[in-house]
């Protein structure tokens, strides 16, 4: 499992935590996301978990290259149109740059609402 945290946006905001503290908050949240994802996959043996810093699409592809992945499985929020254009798409970036086949799993209708 790979979770990438884009910490480049972790900047100090007036009245908010300092940038270093915000970065640590994001990394701690990432650890929690990985732990929860492993719990949410009963019957799946999670051999490795990676928490990386950087652009998610690039970090997923880099992890796949480093570990010689045979397949990347990635979920998508199912956004389309203007929302996708404005927000970008990690799944799309992975599909375009992955060193191996990619299986994109769409969000369920309930998860999109």
PDB file of N, CA and C in Angstrom:
ATOM      1  N   UNK A   1       0.843  -1.170   0.000  1.00  0.00           N
ATOM      2  CA  UNK A   1       0.000   0.000   0.000  1.00  0.00           C
ATOM      3  C   UNK A   1       0.885   1.228   0.000  1.00  0.00           C
ATOM      4  N   UNK A   2       0.464   2.189  -0.793  1.00  0.00           N
ATOM      5  CA  UNK A   2       1.197   3.453  -0.876  1.00  0.00           C
ATOM      6  C   UNK A   2       0.222   4.591  -0.602  1.00  0.00           C
ATOM      7  N   UNK A   3       0.650   5.503   0.250  1.00  0.00           N
ATOM      8  CA  UNK A   3      -0.100   6.739   0.457  1.00  0.00           C
ATOM      9  C   UNK A   3       0.893   7.880   0.331  1.00  0.00           C
ATOM     10  N   UNK A   4       0.579   8.826  -0.516  1.00  0.00           N
ATOM     11  CA  UNK A   4       1.465   9.973  -0.714  1.00  0.00           C
ATOM     12  C   UNK A   4       0.820  11.225  -0.136  1.00  0.00           C
ATOM     13  N   UNK A   5       1.617  11.966   0.594  1.00  0.00           N
ATOM     14  CA  UNK A   5       1.166  13.212   1.200  1.00  0.00           C
ATOM     15  C   UNK A   5       1.874  14.349   0.483  1.00  0.00           C
ATOM     16  N   UNK A   6       1.100  15.225  -0.101  1.00  0.00           N
ATOM     17  CA  UNK A   6       1.679  16.372  -0.790  1.00  0.00           C
ATOM     18  C   UNK A   6       1.870  17.475   0.240  1.00  0.00           C
ATOM     19  N   UNK A   7       3.065  17.530   0.816  1.00  0.00           N
ATOM     20  CA  UNK A   7       3.339  18.477   1.894  1.00  0.00           C
ATOM     21  C   UNK A   7       3.775  19.839   1.385  1.00  0.00           C
ATOM     22  N   UNK A   8       3.863  20.019   0.075  1.00  0.00           N
ATOM     23  CA  UNK A   8       4.294  21.313  -0.456  1.00  0.00           C
ATOM     24  C   UNK A   8       3.320  22.417  -0.083  1.00  0.00           C
ATOM     25  N   UNK A   9       2.082  22.055   0.172  1.00  0.00           N
ATOM     26  CA  UNK A   9       1.092  23.048   0.563  1.00  0.00           C
ATOM     27  C   UNK A   9       1.055  23.298   2.051  1.00  0.00           C
ATOM     28  N   UNK A  10       1.932  22.625   2.804  1.00  0.00           N
ATOM     29  CA  UNK A  10       1.947  22.781   4.262  1.00  0.00           C
ATOM     30  C   UNK A  10       2.686  24.052   4.634  1.00  0.00           C
ATOM     31  N   UNK A  11       2.022  25.159   4.463  1.00  0.00           N
ATOM     32  CA  UNK A  11       2.634  26.449   4.764  1.00  0.00           C
ATOM     33  C   UNK A  11       1.953  27.056   5.988  1.00  0.00           C
ATOM     34  N   UNK A  12       2.658  27.912   6.636  1.00  0.00           N
ATOM     35  CA  UNK A  12       2.094  28.573   7.809  1.00  0.00           C
ATOM     36  C   UNK A  12       0.983  29.521   7.380  1.00  0.00           C
ATOM     37  N   UNK A  13      -0.147  29.413   8.038  1.00  0.00           N
ATOM     38  CA  UNK A  13      -1.281  30.295   7.799  1.00  0.00           C
ATOM     39  C   UNK A  13      -1.471  31.110   9.062  1.00  0.00           C
ATOM     40  N   UNK A  14      -1.743  32.380   8.885  1.00  0.00           N
ATOM     41  CA  UNK A  14      -1.894  33.252  10.052  1.00  0.00           C
ATOM     42  C   UNK A  14      -2.884  32.644  11.035  1.00  0.00           C
ATOM     43  N   UNK A  15      -2.431  32.486  12.262  1.00  0.00           N
ATOM     44  CA  UNK A  15      -3.284  31.921  13.297  1.00  0.00           C
ATOM     45  C   UNK A  15      -3.288  30.404  13.322  1.00  0.00           C
ATOM     46  N   UNK A  16      -2.639  29.760  12.357  1.00  0.00           N
ATOM     47  CA  UNK A  16      -2.606  28.302  12.303  1.00  0.00           C
ATOM     48  C   UNK A  16      -1.268  27.769  12.770  1.00  0.00           C
ATOM     49  N   UNK A  17      -1.112  26.456  12.724  1.00  0.00           N
ATOM     50  CA  UNK A  17       0.157  25.873  13.172  1.00  0.00           C
ATOM     51  C   UNK A  17       1.289  26.221  12.211  1.00  0.00           C
ATOM     52  N   UNK A  18       2.536  26.229  12.696  1.00  0.00           N
ATOM     53  CA  UNK A  18       3.682  26.480  11.822  1.00  0.00           C
ATOM     54  C   UNK A  18       3.793  25.398  10.749  1.00  0.00           C
ATOM     55  N   UNK A  19       4.506  25.709   9.666  1.00  0.00           N
ATOM     56  CA  UNK A  19       4.619  24.788   8.533  1.00  0.00           C
ATOM     57  C   UNK A  19       5.154  23.421   8.946  1.00  0.00           C
ATOM     58  N   UNK A  20       6.170  23.378   9.805  1.00  0.00           N
ATOM     59  CA  UNK A  20       6.741  22.098  10.230  1.00  0.00           C
ATOM     60  C   UNK A  20       5.709  21.264  10.992  1.00  0.00           C
ATOM     61  N   UNK A  21       4.921  21.928  11.808  1.00  0.00           N
ATOM     62  CA  UNK A  21       3.885  21.217  12.562  1.00  0.00           C
ATOM     63  C   UNK A  21       2.792  20.722  11.615  1.00  0.00           C
ATOM     64  N   UNK A  22       2.422  21.540  10.639  1.00  0.00           N
ATOM     65  CA  UNK A  22       1.407  21.147   9.670  1.00  0.00           C
ATOM     66  C   UNK A  22       1.882  19.940   8.857  1.00  0.00           C
ATOM     67  N   UNK A  23       3.160  19.942   8.474  1.00  0.00           N
ATOM     68  CA  UNK A  23       3.737  18.812   7.741  1.00  0.00           C
ATOM     69  C   UNK A  23       3.608  17.538   8.570  1.00  0.00           C
ATOM     70  N   UNK A  24       3.931  17.630   9.857  1.00  0.00           N
ATOM     71  CA  UNK A  24       3.849  16.454  10.724  1.00  0.00           C
ATOM     72  C   UNK A  24       2.415  15.984  10.882  1.00  0.00           C
ATOM     73  N   UNK A  25       1.478  16.912  10.964  1.00  0.00           N
ATOM     74  CA  UNK A  25       0.056  16.549  11.041  1.00  0.00           C
ATOM     75  C   UNK A  25      -0.351  15.763   9.801  1.00  0.00           C
ATOM     76  N   UNK A  26       0.061  16.249   8.628  1.00  0.00           N
ATOM     77  CA  UNK A  26      -0.268  15.556   7.376  1.00  0.00           C
ATOM     78  C   UNK A  26       0.352  14.162   7.332  1.00  0.00           C
ATOM     79  N   UNK A  27       1.589  14.033   7.781  1.00  0.00           N
ATOM     80  CA  UNK A  27       2.246  12.725   7.787  1.00  0.00           C
ATOM     81  C   UNK A  27       1.568  11.772   8.781  1.00  0.00           C
ATOM     82  N   UNK A  28       1.206  12.289   9.943  1.00  0.00           N
ATOM     83  CA  UNK A  28       0.506  11.454  10.927  1.00  0.00           C
ATOM     84  C   UNK A  28      -0.849  11.003  10.374  1.00  0.00           C
ATOM     85  N   UNK A  29      -1.559  11.906   9.709  1.00  0.00           N
ATOM     86  CA  UNK A  29      -2.828  11.539   9.077  1.00  0.00           C
ATOM     87  C   UNK A  29      -2.607  10.449   8.029  1.00  0.00           C
ATOM     88  N   UNK A  30      -1.520  10.574   7.276  1.00  0.00           N
ATOM     89  CA  UNK A  30      -1.196   9.566   6.260  1.00  0.00           C
ATOM     90  C   UNK A  30      -0.972   8.197   6.869  1.00  0.00           C
ATOM     91  N   UNK A  31      -0.295   8.150   8.010  1.00  0.00           N
ATOM     92  CA  UNK A  31      -0.083   6.879   8.718  1.00  0.00           C
ATOM     93  C   UNK A  31      -1.428   6.276   9.123  1.00  0.00           C
ATOM     94  N   UNK A  32      -2.321   7.126   9.595  1.00  0.00           N
ATOM     95  CA  UNK A  32      -3.651   6.655   9.976  1.00  0.00           C
ATOM     96  C   UNK A  32      -4.443   6.135   8.784  1.00  0.00           C
ATOM     97  N   UNK A  33      -4.304   6.802   7.661  1.00  0.00           N
ATOM     98  CA  UNK A  33      -5.003   6.361   6.447  1.00  0.00           C
ATOM     99  C   UNK A  33      -4.499   4.993   6.021  1.00  0.00           C
ATOM    100  N   UNK A  34      -3.182   4.783   6.059  1.00  0.00           N
ATOM    101  CA  UNK A  34      -2.625   3.476   5.707  1.00  0.00           C
ATOM    102  C   UNK A  34      -3.117   2.391   6.671  1.00  0.00           C
ATOM    103  N   UNK A  35      -3.109   2.686   7.950  1.00  0.00           N
ATOM    104  CA  UNK A  35      -3.561   1.709   8.942  1.00  0.00           C
ATOM    105  C   UNK A  35      -5.029   1.352   8.727  1.00  0.00           C
ATOM    106  N   UNK A  36      -5.857   2.357   8.468  1.00  0.00           N
ATOM    107  CA  UNK A  36      -7.283   2.101   8.246  1.00  0.00           C
ATOM    108  C   UNK A  36      -7.510   1.326   6.956  1.00  0.00           C
ATOM    109  N   UNK A  37      -6.764   1.651   5.920  1.00  0.00           N
ATOM    110  CA  UNK A  37      -6.908   0.931   4.644  1.00  0.00           C
ATOM    111  C   UNK A  37      -6.573  -0.542   4.814  1.00  0.00           C
ATOM    112  N   UNK A  38      -5.545  -0.842   5.595  1.00  0.00           N
ATOM    113  CA  UNK A  38      -5.190  -2.242   5.840  1.00  0.00           C
ATOM    114  C   UNK A  38      -6.318  -2.953   6.589  1.00  0.00           C
ATOM    115  N   UNK A  39      -6.957  -2.268   7.542  1.00  0.00           N
ATOM    116  CA  UNK A  39      -8.075  -2.858   8.291  1.00  0.00           C
ATOM    117  C   UNK A  39      -9.291  -3.067   7.388  1.00  0.00           C
ATOM    118  N   UNK A  40      -9.469  -2.158   6.431  1.00  0.00           N
ATOM    119  CA  UNK A  40     -10.633  -2.218   5.546  1.00  0.00           C
ATOM    120  C   UNK A  40     -10.490  -3.251   4.431  1.00  0.00           C
ATOM    121  N   UNK A  41      -9.369  -3.961   4.409  1.00  0.00           N
ATOM    122  CA  UNK A  41      -9.128  -4.965   3.366  1.00  0.00           C
ATOM    123  C   UNK A  41      -8.994  -6.344   3.999  1.00  0.00           C
ATOM    124  N   UNK A  42     -10.072  -6.863   4.600  1.00  0.00           N
ATOM    125  CA  UNK A  42      -9.973  -8.171   5.244  1.00  0.00           C
ATOM    126  C   UNK A  42      -9.642  -9.249   4.211  1.00  0.00           C
ATOM    127  N   UNK A  43      -8.784 -10.144   4.605  1.00  0.00           N
ATOM    128  CA  UNK A  43      -8.404 -11.229   3.710  1.00  0.00           C
ATOM    129  C   UNK A  43      -7.293 -10.862   2.742  1.00  0.00           C
ATOM    130  N   UNK A  44      -6.845  -9.612   2.783  1.00  0.00           N
ATOM    131  CA  UNK A  44      -5.754  -9.170   1.909  1.00  0.00           C
ATOM    132  C   UNK A  44      -4.501  -9.044   2.762  1.00  0.00           C
ATOM    133  N   UNK A  45      -3.463  -9.742   2.347  1.00  0.00           N
ATOM    134  CA  UNK A  45      -2.197  -9.660   3.068  1.00  0.00           C
ATOM    135  C   UNK A  45      -1.454  -8.415   2.594  1.00  0.00           C
ATOM    136  N   UNK A  46      -1.287  -7.460   3.475  1.00  0.00           N
ATOM    137  CA  UNK A  46      -0.567  -6.234   3.144  1.00  0.00           C
ATOM    138  C   UNK A  46       0.897  -6.459   3.509  1.00  0.00           C
ATOM    139  N   UNK A  47       1.721  -6.681   2.486  1.00  0.00           N
ATOM    140  CA  UNK A  47       3.127  -7.001   2.715  1.00  0.00           C
ATOM    141  C   UNK A  47       3.934  -5.764   3.084  1.00  0.00           C
ATOM    142  N   UNK A  48       3.627  -4.627   2.458  1.00  0.00           N
ATOM    143  CA  UNK A  48       4.392  -3.404   2.688  1.00  0.00           C
ATOM    144  C   UNK A  48       3.455  -2.212   2.679  1.00  0.00           C
ATOM    145  N   UNK A  49       3.787  -1.227   3.487  1.00  0.00           N
ATOM    146  CA  UNK A  49       3.084   0.048   3.482  1.00  0.00           C
ATOM    147  C   UNK A  49       4.121   1.143   3.322  1.00  0.00           C
ATOM    148  N   UNK A  50       3.835   2.079   2.433  1.00  0.00           N
ATOM    149  CA  UNK A  50       4.764   3.172   2.171  1.00  0.00           C
ATOM    150  C   UNK A  50       4.051   4.497   2.337  1.00  0.00           C
ATOM    151  N   UNK A  51       4.629   5.365   3.139  1.00  0.00           N
ATOM    152  CA  UNK A  51       4.148   6.728   3.291  1.00  0.00           C
ATOM    153  C   UNK A  51       5.190   7.614   2.631  1.00  0.00           C
ATOM    154  N   UNK A  52       4.802   8.262   1.542  1.00  0.00           N
ATOM    155  CA  UNK A  52       5.750   9.061   0.776  1.00  0.00           C
ATOM    156  C   UNK A  52       5.310  10.512   0.759  1.00  0.00           C
ATOM    157  N   UNK A  53       6.270  11.379   0.536  1.00  0.00           N
ATOM    158  CA  UNK A  53       5.995  12.809   0.439  1.00  0.00           C
ATOM    159  C   UNK A  53       6.176  13.249  -0.999  1.00  0.00           C
ATOM    160  N   UNK A  54       5.170  13.943  -1.532  1.00  0.00           N
ATOM    161  CA  UNK A  54       5.268  14.462  -2.886  1.00  0.00           C
ATOM    162  C   UNK A  54       3.942  14.356  -3.602  1.00  0.00           C
ATOM    163  N   UNK A  55       3.980  14.624  -4.900  1.00  0.00           N
ATOM    164  CA  UNK A  55       2.772  14.537  -5.727  1.00  0.00           C
ATOM    165  C   UNK A  55       2.306  13.081  -5.754  1.00  0.00           C
ATOM    166  N   UNK A  56       1.066  12.822  -5.376  1.00  0.00           N
ATOM    167  CA  UNK A  56       0.612  11.439  -5.239  1.00  0.00           C
ATOM    168  C   UNK A  56       0.825  10.567  -6.481  1.00  0.00           C
ATOM    169  N   UNK A  57       0.465  11.049  -7.646  1.00  0.00           N
ATOM    170  CA  UNK A  57       0.632  10.237  -8.858  1.00  0.00           C
ATOM    171  C   UNK A  57       2.082   9.849  -9.090  1.00  0.00           C
ATOM    172  N   UNK A  58       2.972  10.814  -8.958  1.00  0.00           N
ATOM    173  CA  UNK A  58       4.395  10.559  -9.166  1.00  0.00           C
ATOM    174  C   UNK A  58       4.941   9.608  -8.108  1.00  0.00           C
ATOM    175  N   UNK A  59       4.501   9.749  -6.866  1.00  0.00           N
ATOM    176  CA  UNK A  59       5.002   8.899  -5.787  1.00  0.00           C
ATOM    177  C   UNK A  59       4.509   7.467  -5.900  1.00  0.00           C
ATOM    178  N   UNK A  60       3.267   7.283  -6.342  1.00  0.00           N
ATOM    179  CA  UNK A  60       2.756   5.926  -6.563  1.00  0.00           C
ATOM    180  C   UNK A  60       3.571   5.246  -7.661  1.00  0.00           C
ATOM    181  N   UNK A  61       3.828   5.954  -8.748  1.00  0.00           N
ATOM    182  CA  UNK A  61       4.608   5.394  -9.854  1.00  0.00           C
ATOM    183  C   UNK A  61       6.046   5.108  -9.425  1.00  0.00           C
ATOM    184  N   UNK A  62       6.646   6.004  -8.653  1.00  0.00           N
ATOM    185  CA  UNK A  62       8.011   5.794  -8.174  1.00  0.00           C
ATOM    186  C   UNK A  62       8.074   4.563  -7.273  1.00  0.00           C
ATOM    187  N   UNK A  63       7.096   4.397  -6.407  1.00  0.00           N
ATOM    188  CA  UNK A  63       7.053   3.219  -5.535  1.00  0.00           C
ATOM    189  C   UNK A  63       6.943   1.945  -6.365  1.00  0.00           C
ATOM    190  N   UNK A  64       6.101   1.977  -7.378  1.00  0.00           N
ATOM    191  CA  UNK A  64       5.936   0.803  -8.238  1.00  0.00           C
ATOM    192  C   UNK A  64       7.239   0.454  -8.949  1.00  0.00           C
ATOM    193  N   UNK A  65       7.953   1.480  -9.410  1.00  0.00           N
ATOM    194  CA  UNK A  65       9.243   1.241 -10.070  1.00  0.00           C
ATOM    195  C   UNK A  65      10.255   0.644  -9.098  1.00  0.00           C
ATOM    196  N   UNK A  66      10.355   1.247  -7.918  1.00  0.00           N
ATOM    197  CA  UNK A  66      11.335   0.813  -6.918  1.00  0.00           C
ATOM    198  C   UNK A  66      11.103  -0.622  -6.465  1.00  0.00           C
ATOM    199  N   UNK A  67       9.861  -1.028  -6.351  1.00  0.00           N
ATOM    200  CA  UNK A  67       9.553  -2.353  -5.830  1.00  0.00           C
ATOM    201  C   UNK A  67       9.202  -3.360  -6.918  1.00  0.00           C
ATOM    202  N   UNK A  68       9.326  -2.960  -8.185  1.00  0.00           N
ATOM    203  CA  UNK A  68       9.074  -3.895  -9.281  1.00  0.00           C
ATOM    204  C   UNK A  68       7.644  -4.416  -9.290  1.00  0.00           C
ATOM    205  N   UNK A  69       6.701  -3.525  -9.091  1.00  0.00           N
ATOM    206  CA  UNK A  69       5.292  -3.921  -9.042  1.00  0.00           C
ATOM    207  C   UNK A  69       4.839  -4.521 -10.362  1.00  0.00           C
ATOM    208  N   UNK A  70       3.989  -5.535 -10.260  1.00  0.00           N
ATOM    209  CA  UNK A  70       3.389  -6.162 -11.440  1.00  0.00           C
ATOM    210  C   UNK A  70       2.080  -5.485 -11.817  1.00  0.00           C
ATOM    211  N   UNK A  71       1.444  -4.848 -10.843  1.00  0.00           N
ATOM    212  CA  UNK A  71       0.133  -4.237 -11.044  1.00  0.00           C
ATOM    213  C   UNK A  71      -0.077  -3.161  -9.993  1.00  0.00           C
ATOM    214  N   UNK A  72      -0.674  -2.061 -10.411  1.00  0.00           N
ATOM    215  CA  UNK A  72      -1.105  -1.015  -9.481  1.00  0.00           C
ATOM    216  C   UNK A  72      -2.623  -1.027  -9.469  1.00  0.00           C
ATOM    217  N   UNK A  73      -3.196  -1.071  -8.281  1.00  0.00           N
ATOM    218  CA  UNK A  73      -4.650  -0.960  -8.133  1.00  0.00           C
ATOM    219  C   UNK A  73      -4.902   0.364  -7.447  1.00  0.00           C
ATOM    220  N   UNK A  74      -5.697   1.227  -8.075  1.00  0.00           N
ATOM    221  CA  UNK A  74      -5.947   2.565  -7.530  1.00  0.00           C
ATOM    222  C   UNK A  74      -7.429   2.890  -7.637  1.00  0.00           C
ATOM    223  N   UNK A  75      -7.926   3.522  -6.617  1.00  0.00           N
ATOM    224  CA  UNK A  75      -9.318   3.948  -6.622  1.00  0.00           C
ATOM    225  C   UNK A  75      -9.444   5.336  -7.219  1.00  0.00           C
ATOM    226  N   UNK A  76     -10.647   5.660  -7.604  1.00  0.00           N
ATOM    227  CA  UNK A  76     -10.928   6.990  -8.123  1.00  0.00           C
ATOM    228  C   UNK A  76     -12.204   7.498  -7.466  1.00  0.00           C
ATOM    229  N   UNK A  77     -12.271   8.801  -7.314  1.00  0.00           N
ATOM    230  CA  UNK A  77     -13.459   9.404  -6.704  1.00  0.00           C
ATOM    231  C   UNK A  77     -14.612   9.489  -7.691  1.00  0.00           C
ATOM    232  N   UNK A  78     -14.353   9.251  -8.953  1.00  0.00           N
ATOM    233  CA  UNK A  78     -15.417   9.316  -9.941  1.00  0.00           C
ATOM    234  C   UNK A  78     -15.782  10.726 -10.337  1.00  0.00           C
ATOM    235  N   UNK A  79     -14.891  11.672 -10.074  1.00  0.00           N
ATOM    236  CA  UNK A  79     -15.176  13.050 -10.482  1.00  0.00           C
ATOM    237  C   UNK A  79     -15.045  13.154 -11.996  1.00  0.00           C
ATOM    238  N   UNK A  80     -15.790  14.052 -12.547  1.00  0.00           N
ATOM    239  CA  UNK A  80     -15.703  14.254 -13.985  1.00  0.00           C
ATOM    240  C   UNK A  80     -15.873  15.716 -14.312  1.00  0.00           C
ATOM    241  N   UNK A  81     -15.763  16.013 -15.575  1.00  0.00           N
ATOM    242  CA  UNK A  81     -16.015  17.355 -16.052  1.00  0.00           C
ATOM    243  C   UNK A  81     -15.123  18.400 -15.424  1.00  0.00           C
ATOM    244  N   UNK A  82     -15.712  19.535 -15.071  1.00  0.00           N
ATOM    245  CA  UNK A  82     -14.968  20.666 -14.536  1.00  0.00           C
ATOM    246  C   UNK A  82     -14.281  20.329 -13.217  1.00  0.00           C
ATOM    247  N   UNK A  83     -14.931  19.534 -12.374  1.00  0.00           N
ATOM    248  CA  UNK A  83     -14.337  19.158 -11.093  1.00  0.00           C
ATOM    249  C   UNK A  83     -13.005  18.439 -11.310  1.00  0.00           C
ATOM    250  N   UNK A  84     -12.949  17.520 -12.264  1.00  0.00           N
ATOM    251  CA  UNK A  84     -11.726  16.780 -12.545  1.00  0.00           C
ATOM    252  C   UNK A  84     -10.667  17.699 -13.120  1.00  0.00           C
ATOM    253  N   UNK A  85     -11.091  18.600 -13.985  1.00  0.00           N
ATOM    254  CA  UNK A  85     -10.162  19.523 -14.617  1.00  0.00           C
ATOM    255  C   UNK A  85      -9.506  20.427 -13.572  1.00  0.00           C
ATOM    256  N   UNK A  86     -10.285  20.923 -12.640  1.00  0.00           N
ATOM    257  CA  UNK A  86      -9.761  21.837 -11.639  1.00  0.00           C
ATOM    258  C   UNK A  86      -8.929  21.132 -10.571  1.00  0.00           C
ATOM    259  N   UNK A  87      -9.309  19.918 -10.218  1.00  0.00           N
ATOM    260  CA  UNK A  87      -8.642  19.225  -9.131  1.00  0.00           C
ATOM    261  C   UNK A  87      -7.527  18.299  -9.609  1.00  0.00           C
ATOM    262  N   UNK A  88      -7.515  17.958 -10.877  1.00  0.00           N
ATOM    263  CA  UNK A  88      -6.540  16.989 -11.358  1.00  0.00           C
ATOM    264  C   UNK A  88      -7.003  15.596 -11.005  1.00  0.00           C
ATOM    265  N   UNK A  89      -6.271  14.613 -11.445  1.00  0.00           N
ATOM    266  CA  UNK A  89      -6.665  13.251 -11.169  1.00  0.00           C
ATOM    267  C   UNK A  89      -5.426  12.406 -10.906  1.00  0.00           C
ATOM    268  N   UNK A  90      -5.292  11.957  -9.680  1.00  0.00           N
ATOM    269  CA  UNK A  90      -4.170  11.094  -9.335  1.00  0.00           C
ATOM    270  C   UNK A  90      -4.234   9.805 -10.139  1.00  0.00           C
ATOM    271  N   UNK A  91      -5.420   9.231 -10.245  1.00  0.00           N
ATOM    272  CA  UNK A  91      -5.558   7.989 -11.000  1.00  0.00           C
ATOM    273  C   UNK A  91      -5.117   8.186 -12.452  1.00  0.00           C
ATOM    274  N   UNK A  92      -5.500   9.292 -13.037  1.00  0.00           N
ATOM    275  CA  UNK A  92      -5.111   9.555 -14.425  1.00  0.00           C
ATOM    276  C   UNK A  92      -3.596   9.699 -14.546  1.00  0.00           C
ATOM    277  N   UNK A  93      -2.963  10.383 -13.610  1.00  0.00           N
ATOM    278  CA  UNK A  93      -1.511  10.531 -13.635  1.00  0.00           C
ATOM    279  C   UNK A  93      -0.830   9.176 -13.516  1.00  0.00           C
ATOM    280  N   UNK A  94      -1.361   8.321 -12.662  1.00  0.00           N
ATOM    281  CA  UNK A  94      -0.777   6.990 -12.493  1.00  0.00           C
ATOM    282  C   UNK A  94      -0.937   6.173 -13.771  1.00  0.00           C
ATOM    283  N   UNK A  95      -2.120   6.208 -14.363  1.00  0.00           N
ATOM    284  CA  UNK A  95      -2.341   5.466 -15.607  1.00  0.00           C
ATOM    285  C   UNK A  95      -1.370   5.923 -16.692  1.00  0.00           C
ATOM    286  N   UNK A  96      -1.141   7.207 -16.790  1.00  0.00           N
ATOM    287  CA  UNK A  96      -0.259   7.749 -17.830  1.00  0.00           C
ATOM    288  C   UNK A  96       1.223   7.430 -17.610  1.00  0.00           C
ATOM    289  N   UNK A  97       1.652   7.310 -16.352  1.00  0.00           N
ATOM    290  CA  UNK A  97       3.092   7.212 -16.084  1.00  0.00           C
ATOM    291  C   UNK A  97       3.527   5.922 -15.398  1.00  0.00           C
ATOM    292  N   UNK A  98       2.623   5.014 -15.161  1.00  0.00           N
ATOM    293  CA  UNK A  98       2.952   3.790 -14.430  1.00  0.00           C
ATOM    294  C   UNK A  98       3.896   2.893 -15.228  1.00  0.00           C
ATOM    295  N   UNK A  99       4.784   2.211 -14.523  1.00  0.00           N
ATOM    296  CA  UNK A  99       5.699   1.286 -15.177  1.00  0.00           C
ATOM    297  C   UNK A  99       5.102  -0.111 -15.381  1.00  0.00           C
ATOM    298  N   UNK A 100       3.832  -0.278 -15.014  1.00  0.00           N
ATOM    299  CA  UNK A 100       3.170  -1.578 -15.111  1.00  0.00           C
ATOM    300  C   UNK A 100       1.673  -1.337 -15.341  1.00  0.00           C
ATOM    301  N   UNK A 101       0.896  -2.392 -15.578  1.00  0.00           N
ATOM    302  CA  UNK A 101      -0.547  -2.204 -15.753  1.00  0.00           C
ATOM    303  C   UNK A 101      -1.200  -1.594 -14.512  1.00  0.00           C
ATOM    304  N   UNK A 102      -2.298  -0.872 -14.756  1.00  0.00           N
ATOM    305  CA  UNK A 102      -3.029  -0.199 -13.676  1.00  0.00           C
ATOM    306  C   UNK A 102      -4.492  -0.613 -13.745  1.00  0.00           C
ATOM    307  N   UNK A 103      -5.033  -1.028 -12.615  1.00  0.00           N
ATOM    308  CA  UNK A 103      -6.446  -1.336 -12.489  1.00  0.00           C
ATOM    309  C   UNK A 103      -7.084  -0.188 -11.724  1.00  0.00           C
ATOM    310  N   UNK A 104      -7.990   0.542 -12.377  1.00  0.00           N
ATOM    311  CA  UNK A 104      -8.666   1.672 -11.740  1.00  0.00           C
ATOM    312  C   UNK A 104     -10.030   1.200 -11.263  1.00  0.00           C
ATOM    313  N   UNK A 105     -10.264   1.354  -9.960  1.00  0.00           N
ATOM    314  CA  UNK A 105     -11.507   0.917  -9.349  1.00  0.00           C
ATOM    315  C   UNK A 105     -12.347   2.154  -9.060  1.00  0.00           C
ATOM    316  N   UNK A 106     -13.503   2.287  -9.732  1.00  0.00           N
ATOM    317  CA  UNK A 106     -14.322   3.484  -9.495  1.00  0.00           C
ATOM    318  C   UNK A 106     -15.000   3.453  -8.138  1.00  0.00           C
ATOM    319  N   UNK A 107     -15.260   4.646  -7.626  1.00  0.00           N
ATOM    320  CA  UNK A 107     -15.993   4.780  -6.371  1.00  0.00           C
ATOM    321  C   UNK A 107     -17.412   4.280  -6.580  1.00  0.00           C
ATOM    322  N   UNK A 108     -18.007   3.769  -5.520  1.00  0.00           N
ATOM    323  CA  UNK A 108     -19.404   3.367  -5.620  1.00  0.00           C
ATOM    324  C   UNK A 108     -20.272   4.618  -5.655  1.00  0.00           C
ATOM    325  N   UNK A 109     -21.478   4.474  -6.091  1.00  0.00           N
ATOM    326  CA  UNK A 109     -22.396   5.613  -6.157  1.00  0.00           C
ATOM    327  C   UNK A 109     -22.582   6.229  -4.770  1.00  0.00           C
ATOM    328  N   UNK A 110     -22.642   5.409  -3.731  1.00  0.00           N
ATOM    329  CA  UNK A 110     -22.831   5.920  -2.369  1.00  0.00           C
ATOM    330  C   UNK A 110     -21.630   6.746  -1.927  1.00  0.00           C
ATOM    331  N   UNK A 111     -20.432   6.354  -2.334  1.00  0.00           N
ATOM    332  CA  UNK A 111     -19.229   7.070  -1.928  1.00  0.00           C
ATOM    333  C   UNK A 111     -19.088   8.399  -2.647  1.00  0.00           C
ATOM    334  N   UNK A 112     -19.725   8.547  -3.797  1.00  0.00           N
ATOM    335  CA  UNK A 112     -19.598   9.787  -4.573  1.00  0.00           C
ATOM    336  C   UNK A 112     -20.511  10.881  -4.062  1.00  0.00           C
ATOM    337  N   UNK A 113     -21.473  10.545  -3.225  1.00  0.00           N
ATOM    338  CA  UNK A 113     -22.412  11.575  -2.754  1.00  0.00           C
ATOM    339  C   UNK A 113     -21.994  12.160  -1.444  1.00  0.00           C
TER     340      UNK A 113
END
